[in-house]
Amino acid sequence: MSLLFTDFTSWQAHCAATSEPLFQPVLQYEIEQKGRTEEQIWDGLQRAYDVMRDAVHTGLTQDMTSRSGMVNNGAKKIAASPITVLSPEFKNLITRALGAKEVNSCMGRVVAAPTAGASGILPGVLVTLQDIHKLEDRQILEGLLVAAGIALIIEQNASLAGAVGGCQAETGSAAAMGAGAIVYCLGGSVEETFAAVAITIQCMLGLVCDPVAGLVEVPCVVRNASAAAIAFSSAQIAIAGVNPVIPVDQCVAALGEVGESMETRYKETALGGLANTPRGREIEKMVLVQDVQILPDEDGD
């Protein structure tokens, strides 16, 4: 536990004093917590990244129709769209993040990073980052450790759960993890890496969690895509040396403060926001009817 920092300031100070890269203390923490060797930790990270890549591939090649029908092969539709709004790389990012999250909504295999509801963000970000910059897997795995350290600190000082802090805590944290990983993997400084986290939180602050019919489908899937885009934009801003002005630890504190003050209906309860629209309530009724099982009475009639 001695290597689990409670804030970004302590993490940065440790690396400055020891000249260790950002991932190293997180690796040591994983070794201590799991009681495994360094080799086993790296193997576990590789398996996690392989699942992330598989989720991206599955979302873009297989039928992604959820039981409710709200998720219906959105990633493949975007990939095949004849009208292109985005650059090819940007379009790939969106389709990958959305596709991986569709796998989760269709009960497929994903990595909860940090949650299943945000499980498309890191896969979309890391696969696209690797594709654009031709990075080795080892660099991506180091980025995953940095992302894990970011999540640990956010979890201690705010929350990673939509039920506690709204969508800002869930997709917002995943986007912050992705932004920090991008800057680290591209050789950014510690200051720039943590600036990316701060800028991302500033962009995601206040986002409510309002899943239609209580399902992690709408608007969750499209928010994974937009969060991946914010991760990239925040990383670009930070690695250029733009000062986020509000220090990263204070941004995390603000995330926690906003989450605490957010009304319950905006925290995964499906009582407010999009879930409480007329169409949202219609969908909720249809989903409930689908899930009702008609059981025979005790007489077998």
Protein backbone atom coordinates (compact mmCIF):
# COMPACT_ATOMS: atom_id res chain seq x y z
CA MET A 1 0.00 0.00 0.00
CA SER A 2 2.98 2.32 0.47
CA LEU A 3 3.22 2.76 -3.31
CA LEU A 4 -0.41 3.70 -3.80
CA PHE A 5 -0.36 7.47 -3.99
CA THR A 6 -3.32 9.46 -2.82
CA ASP A 7 -2.76 12.31 -5.27
CA PHE A 8 -0.99 13.25 -8.48
CA THR A 9 1.38 15.59 -6.65
CA SER A 10 2.82 12.69 -4.64
CA TRP A 11 3.11 10.51 -7.74
CA GLN A 12 4.99 13.24 -9.58
CA ALA A 13 7.27 13.92 -6.60
CA HIS A 14 8.13 10.22 -6.31
CA CYS A 15 9.10 9.97 -9.97
CA ALA A 16 11.14 13.17 -9.74
CA ALA A 17 13.03 11.85 -6.70
CA THR A 18 13.68 8.36 -8.11
CA SER A 19 13.88 9.13 -11.85
CA GLU A 20 11.41 6.30 -12.39
CA PRO A 21 9.01 6.47 -15.33
CA LEU A 22 5.37 7.05 -14.42
CA PHE A 23 4.37 3.43 -14.90
CA GLN A 24 7.00 1.97 -12.54
CA PRO A 25 5.40 2.72 -9.14
CA VAL A 26 2.05 1.49 -10.49
CA LEU A 27 3.73 -1.73 -11.60
CA GLN A 28 5.21 -2.16 -8.12
CA TYR A 29 1.81 -1.55 -6.59
CA GLU A 30 0.29 -4.23 -8.82
CA ILE A 31 3.02 -6.69 -7.82
CA GLU A 32 2.43 -6.00 -4.12
CA GLN A 33 -1.36 -6.08 -4.31
CA LYS A 34 -1.68 -9.19 -6.42
CA GLY A 35 1.27 -11.09 -5.03
CA ARG A 36 2.53 -11.84 -8.54
CA THR A 37 5.81 -11.47 -10.35
CA GLU A 38 6.56 -8.63 -12.73
CA GLU A 39 6.36 -11.04 -15.65
CA GLN A 40 2.89 -12.16 -14.56
CA ILE A 41 1.72 -8.55 -14.36
CA TRP A 42 2.94 -7.83 -17.88
CA ASP A 43 1.27 -11.02 -19.12
CA GLY A 44 -1.99 -9.92 -17.50
CA LEU A 45 -1.76 -6.50 -19.10
CA GLN A 46 -1.16 -8.12 -22.48
CA ARG A 47 -4.24 -10.30 -22.05
CA ALA A 48 -6.30 -7.25 -21.12
CA TYR A 49 -5.11 -5.34 -24.17
CA ASP A 50 -5.78 -8.35 -26.39
CA VAL A 51 -9.39 -8.41 -25.13
CA MET A 52 -9.67 -4.69 -25.84
CA ARG A 53 -8.47 -5.20 -29.41
CA ASP A 54 -10.79 -8.16 -29.83
CA ALA A 55 -13.73 -6.02 -28.65
CA VAL A 56 -12.89 -3.39 -31.25
CA HIS A 57 -12.71 -6.06 -33.97
CA THR A 58 -15.92 -7.74 -32.81
CA GLY A 59 -17.82 -4.47 -32.74
CA LEU A 60 -16.84 -3.76 -36.33
CA THR A 61 -17.36 -7.22 -37.80
CA GLN A 62 -20.16 -9.03 -35.96
CA ASP A 63 -23.86 -8.38 -35.38
CA MET A 64 -24.16 -5.86 -32.60
CA THR A 65 -27.89 -5.72 -31.91
CA SER A 66 -28.90 -5.51 -28.27
CA ARG A 67 -31.97 -7.20 -26.85
CA SER A 68 -33.72 -3.85 -26.48
CA GLY A 69 -32.94 -2.89 -30.07
CA MET A 70 -31.49 0.46 -29.02
CA VAL A 71 -28.03 -0.71 -30.05
CA ASN A 72 -28.06 -1.74 -33.70
CA ASN A 73 -24.66 -1.98 -35.39
CA GLY A 74 -23.87 1.71 -35.05
CA ALA A 75 -20.12 1.27 -35.43
CA LYS A 76 -20.44 -0.57 -38.73
CA LYS A 77 -22.88 2.04 -40.03
CA ILE A 78 -20.41 4.82 -39.25
CA ALA A 79 -17.55 2.92 -40.87
CA ALA A 80 -19.62 2.38 -44.03
CA SER A 81 -21.10 5.88 -44.19
CA PRO A 82 -20.59 7.43 -47.66
CA ILE A 83 -20.57 10.92 -46.13
CA THR A 84 -17.34 11.61 -44.23
CA VAL A 85 -17.36 14.42 -41.70
CA LEU A 86 -14.11 13.47 -39.98
CA SER A 87 -10.56 12.67 -41.03
CA PRO A 88 -9.93 8.92 -41.54
CA GLU A 89 -8.06 8.68 -38.24
CA PHE A 90 -10.76 10.52 -36.32
CA LYS A 91 -13.46 8.39 -37.92
CA ASN A 92 -11.56 5.23 -36.94
CA LEU A 93 -11.35 6.45 -33.35
CA ILE A 94 -15.09 7.01 -33.18
CA THR A 95 -16.02 3.69 -34.76
CA ARG A 96 -13.60 1.74 -32.57
CA ALA A 97 -14.74 3.28 -29.29
CA LEU A 98 -18.39 2.94 -30.23
CA GLY A 99 -17.93 -0.62 -31.51
CA ALA A 100 -16.15 -1.84 -28.38
CA LYS A 101 -18.89 -0.37 -26.19
CA GLU A 102 -21.55 -2.02 -28.37
CA VAL A 103 -19.90 -5.35 -27.56
CA ASN A 104 -20.55 -4.63 -23.89
CA SER A 105 -24.18 -3.67 -24.55
CA CYS A 106 -24.63 -6.92 -26.47
CA MET A 107 -23.23 -8.98 -23.58
CA GLY A 108 -19.85 -9.59 -25.21
CA ARG A 109 -16.42 -9.78 -23.61
CA VAL A 110 -14.83 -6.47 -22.62
CA VAL A 111 -12.37 -5.00 -20.14
CA ALA A 112 -13.99 -2.76 -17.54
CA ALA A 113 -11.58 0.14 -17.74
CA PRO A 114 -12.49 1.50 -15.30
CA THR A 115 -16.12 0.33 -15.70
CA ALA A 116 -18.14 -1.72 -18.18
CA GLY A 117 -20.19 1.37 -19.01
CA ALA A 118 -17.02 3.10 -20.21
CA SER A 119 -15.45 -0.01 -21.74
CA GLY A 120 -15.20 1.37 -25.27
CA ILE A 121 -13.07 4.41 -24.48
CA LEU A 122 -9.64 2.97 -23.70
CA PRO A 123 -9.86 0.34 -26.46
CA GLY A 124 -10.78 2.99 -29.01
CA VAL A 125 -8.09 5.35 -27.77
CA LEU A 126 -5.25 2.84 -27.47
CA VAL A 127 -5.90 0.91 -30.66
CA THR A 128 -6.09 4.18 -32.63
CA LEU A 129 -3.00 5.58 -30.91
CA GLN A 130 -1.04 2.45 -31.76
CA ASP A 131 -2.31 2.46 -35.33
CA ILE A 132 -1.42 6.11 -35.98
CA HIS A 133 2.01 6.08 -34.34
CA LYS A 134 3.02 2.44 -34.97
CA LEU A 135 3.78 1.83 -31.30
CA GLU A 136 4.88 -1.52 -29.90
CA ASP A 137 2.55 -3.37 -27.56
CA ARG A 138 4.99 -2.80 -24.68
CA GLN A 139 4.52 0.97 -24.98
CA ILE A 140 0.75 0.55 -24.90
CA LEU A 141 0.98 -1.70 -21.84
CA GLU A 142 3.04 0.94 -20.03
CA GLY A 143 0.31 3.40 -20.98
CA LEU A 144 -2.25 1.03 -19.47
CA LEU A 145 -0.36 1.09 -16.17
CA VAL A 146 -0.29 4.89 -16.24
CA ALA A 147 -4.04 4.85 -16.94
CA ALA A 148 -4.54 2.49 -14.00
CA GLY A 149 -2.64 4.85 -11.71
CA ILE A 150 -4.82 7.75 -12.87
CA ALA A 151 -7.94 5.72 -12.10
CA LEU A 152 -6.69 4.76 -8.64
CA ILE A 153 -6.21 8.38 -7.67
CA ILE A 154 -9.57 9.49 -9.08
CA GLU A 155 -11.31 6.63 -7.28
CA GLN A 156 -9.78 7.64 -3.94
CA ASN A 157 -10.58 11.33 -4.22
CA ALA A 158 -13.81 11.33 -6.26
CA SER A 159 -15.44 8.27 -7.87
CA LEU A 160 -15.38 6.03 -10.93
CA ALA A 161 -19.03 5.01 -10.66
CA GLY A 162 -21.98 6.58 -12.43
CA ALA A 163 -24.18 5.65 -9.47
CA VAL A 164 -21.97 7.80 -7.23
CA GLY A 165 -20.75 10.65 -9.39
CA GLY A 166 -22.73 10.60 -12.61
CA CYS A 167 -21.36 9.94 -16.08
CA GLN A 168 -18.57 12.45 -15.45
CA ALA A 169 -17.15 9.92 -12.99
CA GLU A 170 -17.47 7.00 -15.40
CA THR A 171 -16.82 8.09 -18.97
CA GLY A 172 -14.99 11.14 -17.66
CA SER A 173 -12.51 9.04 -15.73
CA ALA A 174 -12.00 6.68 -18.69
CA ALA A 175 -11.33 9.66 -20.96
CA ALA A 176 -8.85 11.07 -18.44
CA MET A 177 -7.12 7.69 -18.30
CA GLY A 178 -6.94 7.63 -22.08
CA ALA A 179 -5.64 11.18 -22.39
CA GLY A 180 -2.88 10.54 -19.86
CA ALA A 181 -1.91 7.30 -21.58
CA ILE A 182 -1.68 9.06 -24.95
CA VAL A 183 0.67 11.76 -23.68
CA TYR A 184 2.81 9.24 -21.81
CA CYS A 185 3.10 6.90 -24.81
CA LEU A 186 4.12 9.79 -27.08
CA GLY A 187 6.96 10.82 -24.76
CA GLY A 188 5.26 13.69 -23.00
CA SER A 189 6.54 14.89 -19.65
CA VAL A 190 4.93 14.08 -16.32
CA GLU A 191 3.55 17.61 -16.22
CA GLU A 192 2.03 17.24 -19.68
CA THR A 193 0.58 13.81 -18.85
CA PHE A 194 -1.16 15.13 -15.77
CA ALA A 195 -2.23 18.28 -17.63
CA ALA A 196 -4.05 15.99 -20.07
CA VAL A 197 -5.92 14.45 -17.14
CA ALA A 198 -6.83 17.89 -15.80
CA ILE A 199 -8.04 19.18 -19.17
CA THR A 200 -10.14 16.07 -19.74
CA ILE A 201 -11.85 16.39 -16.37
CA GLN A 202 -12.55 20.04 -17.10
CA CYS A 203 -14.24 19.01 -20.37
CA MET A 204 -16.33 16.23 -18.81
CA LEU A 205 -17.27 17.93 -15.53
CA GLY A 206 -20.99 17.85 -14.71
CA LEU A 207 -22.07 15.10 -17.12
CA VAL A 208 -25.06 13.24 -15.69
CA CYS A 209 -25.77 9.50 -15.84
CA ASP A 210 -29.25 9.02 -17.33
CA PRO A 211 -29.49 5.57 -18.98
CA VAL A 212 -32.72 5.06 -20.90
CA ALA A 213 -34.74 2.17 -19.41
CA GLY A 214 -31.89 1.64 -16.95
CA LEU A 215 -29.83 -0.06 -19.64
CA VAL A 216 -26.21 0.87 -20.32
CA GLU A 217 -26.99 1.57 -23.98
CA VAL A 218 -28.45 5.04 -24.62
CA PRO A 219 -26.75 7.48 -24.31
CA CYS A 220 -23.83 5.44 -22.98
CA VAL A 221 -22.63 4.06 -26.32
CA VAL A 222 -22.35 7.42 -28.07
CA ARG A 223 -20.79 8.97 -24.98
CA ASN A 224 -17.98 6.43 -25.23
CA ALA A 225 -17.26 7.74 -28.72
CA SER A 226 -17.38 11.41 -27.68
CA ALA A 227 -15.24 10.71 -24.59
CA ALA A 228 -12.59 9.08 -26.78
CA ALA A 229 -12.58 12.22 -28.93
CA ILE A 230 -12.18 14.39 -25.83
CA ALA A 231 -9.27 12.21 -24.68
CA PHE A 232 -7.46 12.86 -27.96
CA SER A 233 -8.19 16.59 -28.01
CA SER A 234 -7.09 16.97 -24.37
CA ALA A 235 -3.89 15.04 -25.05
CA GLN A 236 -3.10 17.29 -28.03
CA ILE A 237 -3.70 20.43 -25.97
CA ALA A 238 -1.58 19.18 -23.07
CA ILE A 239 1.37 17.84 -25.06
CA ALA A 240 1.59 21.22 -26.79
CA GLY A 241 2.34 22.73 -23.39
CA VAL A 242 -0.98 24.47 -22.75
CA ASN A 243 -1.47 25.11 -19.04
CA PRO A 244 -4.76 23.75 -17.66
CA VAL A 245 -4.59 26.52 -15.02
CA ILE A 246 -6.44 24.46 -12.39
CA PRO A 247 -4.04 21.79 -11.04
CA VAL A 248 -5.00 18.19 -11.69
CA ASP A 249 -5.59 17.31 -8.02
CA GLN A 250 -7.96 20.26 -7.70
CA CYS A 251 -9.78 19.13 -10.86
CA VAL A 252 -10.26 15.71 -9.27
CA ALA A 253 -11.55 17.37 -6.10
CA ALA A 254 -14.01 19.34 -8.23
CA LEU A 255 -15.13 16.10 -9.87
CA GLY A 256 -15.90 14.69 -6.43
CA GLU A 257 -17.65 17.86 -5.27
CA VAL A 258 -19.90 17.99 -8.32
CA GLY A 259 -20.70 14.29 -7.95
CA GLU A 260 -21.69 14.72 -4.32
CA SER A 261 -24.00 17.65 -5.11
CA MET A 262 -25.61 15.95 -8.11
CA GLU A 263 -29.21 14.90 -7.53
CA THR A 264 -29.90 11.17 -7.24
CA ARG A 265 -32.06 11.14 -10.36
CA TYR A 266 -28.96 11.98 -12.39
CA LYS A 267 -26.86 9.13 -11.01
CA GLU A 268 -27.72 5.91 -12.87
CA THR A 269 -31.26 5.72 -11.47
CA ALA A 270 -33.02 6.33 -14.82
CA LEU A 271 -35.20 8.93 -13.10
CA GLY A 272 -34.00 12.04 -14.89
CA GLY A 273 -32.43 13.41 -18.03
CA LEU A 274 -32.85 11.40 -21.23
CA ALA A 275 -34.34 8.49 -19.28
CA ASN A 276 -37.21 10.74 -18.20
CA THR A 277 -38.16 11.98 -21.66
CA PRO A 278 -41.48 10.79 -23.15
CA ARG A 279 -39.64 8.55 -25.60
CA GLY A 280 -37.37 7.28 -22.86
CA ARG A 281 -40.40 6.24 -20.79
CA GLU A 282 -41.98 4.53 -23.80
CA ILE A 283 -38.84 2.50 -24.32
CA GLU A 284 -38.74 1.66 -20.63
CA LYS A 285 -42.26 0.22 -20.79
CA MET A 286 -41.44 -1.84 -23.86
CA VAL A 287 -38.29 -3.22 -22.30
CA LEU A 288 -40.17 -4.15 -19.11
CA VAL A 289 -42.81 -6.02 -21.11
CA GLN A 290 -40.12 -7.93 -22.98
CA ASP A 291 -38.50 -8.98 -19.72
CA VAL A 292 -41.71 -10.25 -18.07
CA GLN A 293 -41.77 -14.04 -17.94
CA ILE A 294 -45.24 -15.57 -17.92
CA LEU A 295 -45.05 -18.44 -15.46
CA PRO A 296 -47.65 -21.21 -15.09
CA ASP A 297 -49.73 -21.16 -11.91
CA GLU A 298 -49.37 -23.83 -9.27
CA ASP A 299 -52.11 -25.93 -10.89
CA GLY A 300 -50.26 -25.98 -14.18
CA ASP A 301 -52.95 -23.97 -16.00
